[in-house]
Amino acid sequence: MEPKKKNTPKKELSSAPKVNWSLMLGAAFLMATSAIGPGFLTQTTVFTQNLAASFGFVILISIILDIFAQTNVWRIIAISGKRGQDIANMVLPGLGYVLAALIVIGGLAFNIGNIAGAGLGLNAITGISPTVGAAISAIIAVLIFVVKEAGKAMDKFTQIAGFVMIGLMIYVAFTTSPPVGEAVVKTFAPDKIDFVAIVTLVGGTVGGYITFAGGHRLLDAGVKGVDALPQVTKSSITGILITSVMRIALFLAVLGVVAKGLPIDAGNPPASVFQLAAGNIGYKIFGIVMWSAAITSVVGAAYTSVSFIRTFSQKLDKNANWIIIGFIIISTVCFVLIGKPVKVLLLVGALNGLILPIALGTLLIAAYKKSIVGDYKHPLWLTISGIFVVVVMALMGGYTLVDQIPQLFK
């Protein structure tokens, strides 16, 4: 009996997916850098202007909700060994196609904005026109998916860009000398609670394609099953924490500027903050941060959007990298020819707000279907927290959608 006991764990260990921290960090940074885009920089700046130190409370609540949402989604994807759209089709036939359509349309529309942000970033760094900057950025993004090991190249690129962004952002936060003590106090005892700001932050961090970015990346790398759950959970939480560090650093940088009573330019709030914080060097740093945020969001949006259609046929799966490249090129051409369609972006933003409750709600149902997850028992606290996120985001997403549709006809 003794040899059997010794052999069993060895057998299980060898059949478990090989997991390394480079891969875990790659998935975490893909999710985080997908969330940290041009909209992330603007949202954080504007909300800090409006709420001052009390914005810390919004960040705290959004981090908790983000962790609930991502931990649920990543675990269920890993345990089922299937992508979001395939799980949705197993829960309700046809739902996966609807979810894929929402993700792809939203990803394409927002990628136009990401490409525009990359162009503006290079414009701030070098002085070249935003259009030329956008084209150069698109070429760089395309090259990532041309190389043989595209997945590894994407992981390394997002990690390097992520570390650069966080390092520069922390530096700028220090230069503004923010009232950290006040920020800590107001984080737990805010003067004002803004629920729209909370929902906007949650939607911007784990809404749309971002919800699935890291989970799908791990699945593509073969990370799945019960044995992988501890690593998957760590990776999902790491992704949220990376995003949160960036959010907190930007919040403190803006708070330092606001506390000094310096005027922030409404035309380009983030650029204004960087310039007020560190002069012309600050403006160049803004360019680097904006470009890094935008280009990684371009990569993340293209990769994740295409991951939602590649399982629908062998041909799509075989040519996934070329479809990703086409996705990036179409986004760039749209920006160059017609610019950023603001009204369409508003509507798609509202639709993206509804993707999280639809996707998370579907996956929570899947977590209790044996045909999808086998004998796996989903933790009750995750189910309850996930349902809470679904209800809150559905109500607020519905309100935003009703509010934004009339804007298209004005």
Protein backbone atom coordinates (compact mmCIF):
# COMPACT_ATOMS: atom_id res chain seq x y z
CA MET A 1 0.00 0.00 0.00
CA GLU A 2 2.88 2.38 0.78
CA PRO A 3 4.24 2.56 -2.78
CA LYS A 4 0.74 3.34 -4.03
CA LYS A 5 0.43 6.24 -1.59
CA LYS A 6 3.74 7.65 -2.71
CA ASN A 7 2.98 7.28 -6.41
CA THR A 8 -0.49 8.87 -6.37
CA PRO A 9 0.57 12.46 -5.66
CA LYS A 10 3.41 12.15 -8.20
CA LYS A 11 0.93 11.05 -10.83
CA GLU A 12 -1.41 13.96 -10.04
CA LEU A 13 1.48 16.40 -10.10
CA SER A 14 2.62 15.30 -13.52
CA SER A 15 -0.90 15.58 -14.96
CA ALA A 16 -1.41 19.09 -13.55
CA PRO A 17 -0.81 21.98 -15.93
CA LYS A 18 2.71 23.41 -15.73
CA VAL A 19 2.30 26.83 -14.22
CA ASN A 20 5.03 29.45 -13.90
CA TRP A 21 4.96 32.96 -12.50
CA SER A 22 6.02 34.48 -15.82
CA LEU A 23 2.80 33.14 -17.36
CA MET A 24 0.72 34.17 -14.31
CA LEU A 25 2.12 37.70 -14.43
CA GLY A 26 1.62 37.80 -18.20
CA ALA A 27 -2.12 37.10 -17.79
CA ALA A 28 -2.37 39.55 -14.87
CA PHE A 29 -0.63 42.32 -16.80
CA LEU A 30 -2.70 41.63 -19.94
CA MET A 31 -5.86 42.17 -17.89
CA ALA A 32 -4.42 45.18 -16.03
CA THR A 33 -2.96 46.96 -19.05
CA SER A 34 -6.17 46.30 -21.01
CA ALA A 35 -8.01 48.17 -18.24
CA ILE A 36 -5.45 51.01 -18.07
CA GLY A 37 -6.26 52.85 -21.29
CA PRO A 38 -6.85 56.50 -22.30
CA GLY A 39 -10.31 56.41 -20.68
CA PHE A 40 -8.79 55.14 -17.40
CA LEU A 41 -6.46 58.16 -17.22
CA THR A 42 -9.24 60.66 -17.97
CA GLN A 43 -11.85 59.05 -15.66
CA THR A 44 -9.49 58.96 -12.68
CA THR A 45 -8.43 62.58 -13.20
CA VAL A 46 -11.97 63.94 -13.57
CA PHE A 47 -13.42 61.98 -10.61
CA THR A 48 -10.53 63.09 -8.37
CA GLN A 49 -11.25 66.70 -9.36
CA ASN A 50 -14.92 66.25 -8.43
CA LEU A 51 -14.56 64.20 -5.23
CA ALA A 52 -11.06 65.18 -4.03
CA ALA A 53 -9.81 62.89 -1.20
CA SER A 54 -13.20 61.10 -1.00
CA PHE A 55 -12.41 59.46 -4.36
CA GLY A 56 -10.26 57.08 -2.30
CA PHE A 57 -13.48 55.45 -1.03
CA VAL A 58 -14.66 54.93 -4.62
CA ILE A 59 -11.34 53.25 -5.46
CA LEU A 60 -11.57 50.99 -2.38
CA ILE A 61 -15.12 49.78 -3.16
CA SER A 62 -14.33 49.30 -6.86
CA ILE A 63 -11.26 47.18 -5.98
CA ILE A 64 -13.44 44.89 -3.82
CA LEU A 65 -16.11 44.56 -6.55
CA ASP A 66 -13.41 44.00 -9.21
CA ILE A 67 -11.86 41.16 -7.18
CA PHE A 68 -15.30 39.53 -6.75
CA ALA A 69 -16.00 39.75 -10.49
CA GLN A 70 -12.59 38.61 -11.76
CA THR A 71 -12.11 35.78 -9.26
CA ASN A 72 -15.48 34.31 -10.27
CA VAL A 73 -14.89 34.62 -14.03
CA TRP A 74 -11.31 33.31 -14.07
CA ARG A 75 -12.09 30.34 -11.77
CA ILE A 76 -15.09 29.20 -13.81
CA ILE A 77 -13.17 29.52 -17.11
CA ALA A 78 -10.26 27.50 -15.63
CA ILE A 79 -12.41 24.78 -14.07
CA SER A 80 -14.54 24.29 -17.21
CA GLY A 81 -11.56 24.52 -19.58
CA LYS A 82 -13.74 26.57 -21.95
CA ARG A 83 -13.85 30.16 -23.14
CA GLY A 84 -16.63 32.55 -22.11
CA GLN A 85 -18.64 32.22 -25.34
CA ASP A 86 -18.60 28.40 -25.25
CA ILE A 87 -19.73 28.36 -21.62
CA ALA A 88 -22.56 30.80 -22.50
CA ASN A 89 -23.69 28.57 -25.39
CA MET A 90 -23.81 25.57 -23.02
CA VAL A 91 -25.92 27.54 -20.51
CA LEU A 92 -28.32 28.82 -23.20
CA PRO A 93 -27.86 27.90 -26.88
CA GLY A 94 -27.11 31.04 -28.90
CA LEU A 95 -26.17 33.19 -25.88
CA GLY A 96 -22.46 32.71 -26.63
CA TYR A 97 -22.91 34.24 -30.09
CA VAL A 98 -24.72 37.25 -28.59
CA LEU A 99 -21.96 37.69 -26.00
CA ALA A 100 -19.27 37.35 -28.69
CA ALA A 101 -21.00 39.98 -30.85
CA LEU A 102 -21.20 42.44 -27.94
CA ILE A 103 -17.53 41.87 -27.06
CA VAL A 104 -16.28 42.23 -30.66
CA ILE A 105 -18.37 45.35 -31.45
CA GLY A 106 -17.39 46.96 -28.14
CA GLY A 107 -13.74 45.96 -28.53
CA LEU A 108 -13.56 47.37 -32.07
CA ALA A 109 -15.20 50.67 -31.14
CA PHE A 110 -12.99 51.18 -28.08
CA ASN A 111 -9.90 50.16 -30.04
CA ILE A 112 -10.47 53.21 -32.24
CA GLY A 113 -10.18 55.27 -29.06
CA ASN A 114 -7.11 53.28 -27.95
CA ILE A 115 -5.40 53.87 -31.30
CA ALA A 116 -6.23 57.58 -30.99
CA GLY A 117 -4.71 57.60 -27.48
CA ALA A 118 -1.53 55.93 -28.77
CA GLY A 119 -1.27 58.61 -31.47
CA LEU A 120 -1.70 61.38 -28.89
CA GLY A 121 0.94 59.74 -26.67
CA LEU A 122 3.55 59.70 -29.44
CA ASN A 123 2.54 63.26 -30.33
CA ALA A 124 3.36 64.37 -26.76
CA ILE A 125 6.69 62.50 -26.77
CA THR A 126 8.00 63.38 -30.24
CA GLY A 127 5.78 66.12 -31.69
CA ILE A 128 4.69 64.00 -34.69
CA SER A 129 1.04 64.22 -35.73
CA PRO A 130 -1.45 61.99 -33.85
CA THR A 131 -2.37 60.29 -37.14
CA VAL A 132 1.24 59.31 -37.91
CA GLY A 133 1.68 58.31 -34.25
CA ALA A 134 -1.41 56.08 -34.47
CA ALA A 135 -0.07 54.38 -37.61
CA ILE A 136 3.35 53.72 -36.01
CA SER A 137 1.65 52.36 -32.89
CA ALA A 138 -0.52 50.04 -34.99
CA ILE A 139 2.57 48.67 -36.76
CA ILE A 140 4.22 47.93 -33.37
CA ALA A 141 1.04 46.18 -32.15
CA VAL A 142 0.83 44.13 -35.36
CA LEU A 143 4.49 43.01 -35.06
CA ILE A 144 3.71 41.39 -31.70
CA PHE A 145 1.31 38.98 -33.43
CA VAL A 146 3.57 38.33 -36.43
CA VAL A 147 6.29 36.64 -34.35
CA LYS A 148 6.18 32.86 -33.88
CA GLU A 149 5.61 32.93 -30.09
CA ALA A 150 2.96 35.69 -30.17
CA GLY A 151 1.56 34.79 -26.73
CA LYS A 152 4.94 35.08 -25.02
CA ALA A 153 5.75 38.29 -26.92
CA MET A 154 2.44 39.79 -25.78
CA ASP A 155 3.11 38.77 -22.16
CA LYS A 156 6.57 40.39 -22.15
CA PHE A 157 5.37 43.54 -23.91
CA THR A 158 2.48 44.13 -21.48
CA GLN A 159 4.70 43.46 -18.45
CA ILE A 160 7.41 45.91 -19.56
CA ALA A 161 4.86 48.60 -20.51
CA GLY A 162 3.00 48.01 -17.23
CA PHE A 163 6.11 48.43 -15.07
CA VAL A 164 7.10 51.59 -17.00
CA MET A 165 3.63 53.11 -16.49
CA ILE A 166 3.50 52.33 -12.77
CA GLY A 167 7.05 53.57 -12.14
CA LEU A 168 6.47 56.90 -13.90
CA MET A 169 3.07 57.35 -12.28
CA ILE A 170 4.47 56.84 -8.78
CA TYR A 171 7.21 59.38 -9.57
CA VAL A 172 4.63 61.98 -10.65
CA ALA A 173 2.54 61.26 -7.53
CA PHE A 174 5.59 62.03 -5.34
CA THR A 175 6.31 65.31 -7.16
CA THR A 176 2.84 66.72 -6.38
CA SER A 177 3.21 66.07 -2.60
CA PRO A 178 -0.43 64.99 -2.11
CA PRO A 179 -2.14 65.10 1.32
CA VAL A 180 -1.77 61.34 1.90
CA GLY A 181 -3.13 61.48 5.48
CA GLU A 182 -6.36 63.12 4.34
CA ALA A 183 -6.66 60.62 1.48
CA VAL A 184 -6.37 57.68 3.90
CA VAL A 185 -8.99 59.13 6.27
CA LYS A 186 -11.47 59.95 3.47
CA THR A 187 -11.00 56.49 1.95
CA PHE A 188 -12.77 55.03 4.98
CA ALA A 189 -14.89 58.07 5.96
CA PRO A 190 -15.77 59.92 2.72
CA ASP A 191 -17.56 63.28 2.64
CA LYS A 192 -19.54 62.10 -0.38
CA ILE A 193 -20.32 58.70 -1.97
CA ASP A 194 -20.71 58.70 -5.75
CA PHE A 195 -22.31 55.43 -6.93
CA VAL A 196 -22.01 56.37 -10.62
CA ALA A 197 -18.26 56.80 -10.13
CA ILE A 198 -18.04 53.34 -8.51
CA VAL A 199 -19.93 51.68 -11.38
CA THR A 200 -17.87 53.59 -13.98
CA LEU A 201 -14.64 52.41 -12.36
CA VAL A 202 -15.83 48.79 -12.09
CA GLY A 203 -17.04 48.83 -15.71
CA GLY A 204 -13.76 50.37 -16.86
CA THR A 205 -11.63 47.86 -14.96
CA VAL A 206 -13.52 44.59 -15.52
CA GLY A 207 -16.20 45.50 -18.09
CA GLY A 208 -16.50 44.32 -21.69
CA TYR A 209 -13.63 42.27 -23.08
CA ILE A 210 -11.41 43.09 -20.04
CA THR A 211 -13.37 40.60 -17.89
CA PHE A 212 -12.06 37.73 -20.00
CA ALA A 213 -8.61 38.96 -21.10
CA GLY A 214 -6.50 37.15 -18.49
CA GLY A 215 -8.74 34.10 -18.14
CA HIS A 216 -8.64 33.42 -21.90
CA ARG A 217 -4.86 34.00 -21.97
CA LEU A 218 -4.31 31.34 -19.27
CA LEU A 219 -6.62 28.95 -21.11
CA ASP A 220 -4.66 29.44 -24.35
CA ALA A 221 -1.49 28.56 -22.41
CA GLY A 222 -3.11 25.32 -21.16
CA VAL A 223 -3.74 26.48 -17.58
CA LYS A 224 -6.98 24.82 -16.50
CA GLY A 225 -8.50 22.31 -14.07
CA VAL A 226 -8.77 22.04 -10.28
CA ASP A 227 -4.98 21.88 -9.78
CA ALA A 228 -4.55 25.29 -11.42
CA LEU A 229 -7.17 27.13 -9.30
CA PRO A 230 -4.80 28.54 -6.64
CA GLN A 231 -2.54 30.03 -9.33
CA VAL A 232 -5.51 31.29 -11.36
CA THR A 233 -6.96 33.05 -8.30
CA LYS A 234 -3.59 34.64 -7.46
CA SER A 235 -3.17 35.81 -11.05
CA SER A 236 -6.67 37.37 -11.19
CA ILE A 237 -6.17 39.24 -7.91
CA THR A 238 -2.66 40.33 -9.01
CA GLY A 239 -4.20 41.85 -12.15
CA ILE A 240 -6.67 43.89 -10.08
CA LEU A 241 -3.93 45.00 -7.68
CA ILE A 242 -1.68 46.15 -10.56
CA THR A 243 -4.57 48.23 -11.91
CA SER A 244 -5.27 49.55 -8.41
CA VAL A 245 -1.66 50.66 -7.82
CA MET A 246 -1.82 52.66 -11.04
CA ARG A 247 -5.23 54.11 -10.10
CA ILE A 248 -4.06 55.09 -6.59
CA ALA A 249 -0.84 56.68 -7.90
CA LEU A 250 -2.78 58.74 -10.46
CA PHE A 251 -5.38 59.66 -7.82
CA LEU A 252 -2.64 60.94 -5.48
CA ALA A 253 -0.94 62.87 -8.30
CA VAL A 254 -4.20 64.64 -9.23
CA LEU A 255 -5.07 65.18 -5.55
CA GLY A 256 -1.73 66.92 -5.02
CA VAL A 257 -2.49 69.30 -7.90
CA VAL A 258 -6.09 69.90 -6.72
CA ALA A 259 -4.95 70.53 -3.11
CA LYS A 260 -2.61 73.27 -4.34
CA GLY A 261 -5.52 74.93 -6.16
CA LEU A 262 -3.84 74.67 -9.57
CA PRO A 263 -6.20 74.89 -12.59
CA ILE A 264 -6.55 71.64 -14.58
CA ASP A 265 -7.21 72.04 -18.31
CA ALA A 266 -10.64 70.54 -19.07
CA GLY A 267 -9.55 69.85 -22.68
CA ASN A 268 -6.96 67.26 -21.62
CA PRO A 269 -7.12 66.72 -17.84
CA PRO A 270 -4.43 63.98 -17.49
CA ALA A 271 -1.86 65.85 -19.61
CA SER A 272 -2.55 69.00 -17.61
CA VAL A 273 -1.93 67.18 -14.30
CA PHE A 274 1.41 65.77 -15.49
CA GLN A 275 2.51 69.18 -16.79
CA LEU A 276 1.50 70.99 -13.60
CA ALA A 277 3.30 68.33 -11.56
CA ALA A 278 6.65 68.29 -13.39
CA GLY A 279 6.65 70.93 -16.13
CA ASN A 280 7.76 69.95 -19.66
CA ILE A 281 9.34 66.73 -18.35
CA GLY A 282 5.94 65.92 -16.84
CA TYR A 283 4.29 66.42 -20.24
CA LYS A 284 6.79 63.99 -21.83
CA ILE A 285 6.08 61.51 -19.01
CA PHE A 286 2.37 61.92 -19.80
CA GLY A 287 3.15 61.00 -23.41
CA ILE A 288 5.00 57.82 -22.36
CA VAL A 289 2.23 56.80 -19.92
CA MET A 290 -0.54 57.59 -22.44
CA TRP A 291 1.21 55.67 -25.22
CA SER A 292 1.96 52.68 -22.96
CA ALA A 293 -1.63 52.64 -21.67
CA ALA A 294 -3.12 52.94 -25.16
CA ILE A 295 -0.89 50.48 -27.02
CA THR A 296 -1.33 47.74 -24.40
CA SER A 297 -5.10 48.31 -24.53
CA VAL A 298 -4.95 47.96 -28.35
CA VAL A 299 -3.17 44.60 -27.94
CA GLY A 300 -5.52 43.42 -25.15
CA ALA A 301 -8.72 44.45 -26.96
CA ALA A 302 -7.68 42.81 -30.24
CA TYR A 303 -6.48 39.56 -28.62
CA THR A 304 -9.50 39.13 -26.34
CA SER A 305 -12.11 40.15 -28.92
CA VAL A 306 -10.79 37.60 -31.42
CA SER A 307 -10.60 34.93 -28.66
CA PHE A 308 -14.40 35.24 -28.56
CA ILE A 309 -14.90 34.08 -32.15
CA ARG A 310 -11.99 31.69 -32.73
CA THR A 311 -13.80 28.65 -31.29
CA PHE A 312 -16.72 29.00 -33.73
CA SER A 313 -14.78 27.29 -36.54
CA GLN A 314 -11.42 25.56 -37.12
CA LYS A 315 -10.57 28.09 -39.83
CA LEU A 316 -11.01 31.01 -37.44
CA ASP A 317 -8.96 29.24 -34.76
CA LYS A 318 -6.14 28.42 -37.18
CA ASN A 319 -5.93 32.02 -38.45
CA ALA A 320 -6.52 33.76 -35.09
CA ASN A 321 -3.30 35.81 -35.21
CA TRP A 322 -4.09 37.13 -38.69
CA ILE A 323 -7.61 38.06 -37.61
CA ILE A 324 -6.11 39.93 -34.60
CA ILE A 325 -3.83 41.81 -37.02
CA GLY A 326 -6.85 42.62 -39.22
CA PHE A 327 -8.73 43.84 -36.13
CA ILE A 328 -5.89 46.27 -35.31
CA ILE A 329 -5.64 47.48 -38.92
CA ILE A 330 -9.41 48.10 -39.19
CA SER A 331 -9.35 50.10 -35.91
CA THR A 332 -6.47 52.21 -37.23
CA VAL A 333 -8.08 52.84 -40.62
CA CYS A 334 -11.33 53.90 -38.89
CA PHE A 335 -9.40 56.40 -36.74
CA VAL A 336 -7.39 57.79 -39.66
CA LEU A 337 -10.41 58.14 -41.99
CA ILE A 338 -13.27 59.12 -39.70
CA GLY A 339 -11.67 59.94 -36.35
CA LYS A 340 -13.20 58.84 -33.07
CA PRO A 341 -17.00 58.47 -33.40
CA VAL A 342 -17.94 59.99 -30.05
CA LYS A 343 -21.67 59.21 -30.12
CA VAL A 344 -21.12 55.59 -31.13
CA LEU A 345 -18.49 55.26 -28.41
CA LEU A 346 -21.00 56.53 -25.85
CA LEU A 347 -23.56 53.92 -26.87
CA VAL A 348 -21.00 51.11 -27.00
CA GLY A 349 -19.77 52.25 -23.58
CA ALA A 350 -23.29 51.76 -22.25
CA LEU A 351 -23.49 48.32 -23.94
CA ASN A 352 -20.14 47.40 -22.40
CA GLY A 353 -21.59 48.23 -19.00
CA LEU A 354 -24.18 45.49 -19.60
CA ILE A 355 -21.63 42.88 -20.73
CA LEU A 356 -20.29 42.32 -17.20
CA PRO A 357 -23.66 41.38 -15.59
CA ILE A 358 -24.63 39.22 -18.60
CA ALA A 359 -21.25 37.46 -18.69
CA LEU A 360 -20.80 37.06 -14.94
CA GLY A 361 -24.44 36.02 -14.43
CA THR A 362 -24.08 33.35 -17.14
CA LEU A 363 -20.84 32.01 -15.66
CA LEU A 364 -22.37 31.84 -12.16
CA ILE A 365 -25.18 29.66 -13.57
CA ALA A 366 -22.54 27.55 -15.34
CA ALA A 367 -20.70 27.03 -12.03
CA TYR A 368 -23.64 24.91 -10.87
CA LYS A 369 -24.01 22.80 -14.04
CA LYS A 370 -22.28 19.42 -13.84
CA SER A 371 -22.13 19.20 -17.63
CA ILE A 372 -19.81 22.25 -17.56
CA VAL A 373 -17.81 22.05 -14.31
CA GLY A 374 -18.17 18.38 -13.33
CA ASP A 375 -17.99 17.75 -9.57
CA TYR A 376 -16.49 21.16 -8.78
CA LYS A 377 -18.21 23.03 -5.92
CA HIS A 378 -18.13 26.81 -6.35
CA PRO A 379 -17.53 28.65 -3.02
CA LEU A 380 -20.77 30.14 -1.64
CA TRP A 381 -19.11 33.47 -0.76
CA LEU A 382 -17.99 33.85 -4.39
CA THR A 383 -21.50 33.09 -5.65
CA ILE A 384 -23.08 35.66 -3.29
CA SER A 385 -20.47 38.33 -4.08
CA GLY A 386 -20.82 37.61 -7.80
CA ILE A 387 -24.63 37.95 -7.68
CA PHE A 388 -24.18 41.28 -5.87
CA VAL A 389 -21.91 42.58 -8.67
CA VAL A 390 -24.37 41.32 -11.33
CA VAL A 391 -27.36 43.13 -9.75
CA VAL A 392 -25.51 46.42 -9.14
CA MET A 393 -23.94 46.53 -12.62
CA ALA A 394 -27.19 45.48 -14.37
CA LEU A 395 -29.16 48.30 -12.71
CA MET A 396 -26.52 50.96 -13.36
CA GLY A 397 -25.69 49.64 -16.85
CA GLY A 398 -29.38 49.72 -17.80
CA TYR A 399 -29.71 53.27 -16.51
CA THR A 400 -26.65 54.38 -18.51
CA LEU A 401 -27.95 52.71 -21.69
CA VAL A 402 -31.37 54.42 -21.42
CA ASP A 403 -29.59 57.71 -20.76
CA GLN A 404 -27.19 57.40 -23.72
CA ILE A 405 -29.51 56.17 -26.55
CA PRO A 406 -31.27 59.58 -26.92
CA GLN A 407 -27.81 61.19 -27.36
CA LEU A 408 -27.47 59.42 -30.73
CA PHE A 409 -30.44 61.33 -32.15
CA LYS A 410 -29.41 64.83 -31.02
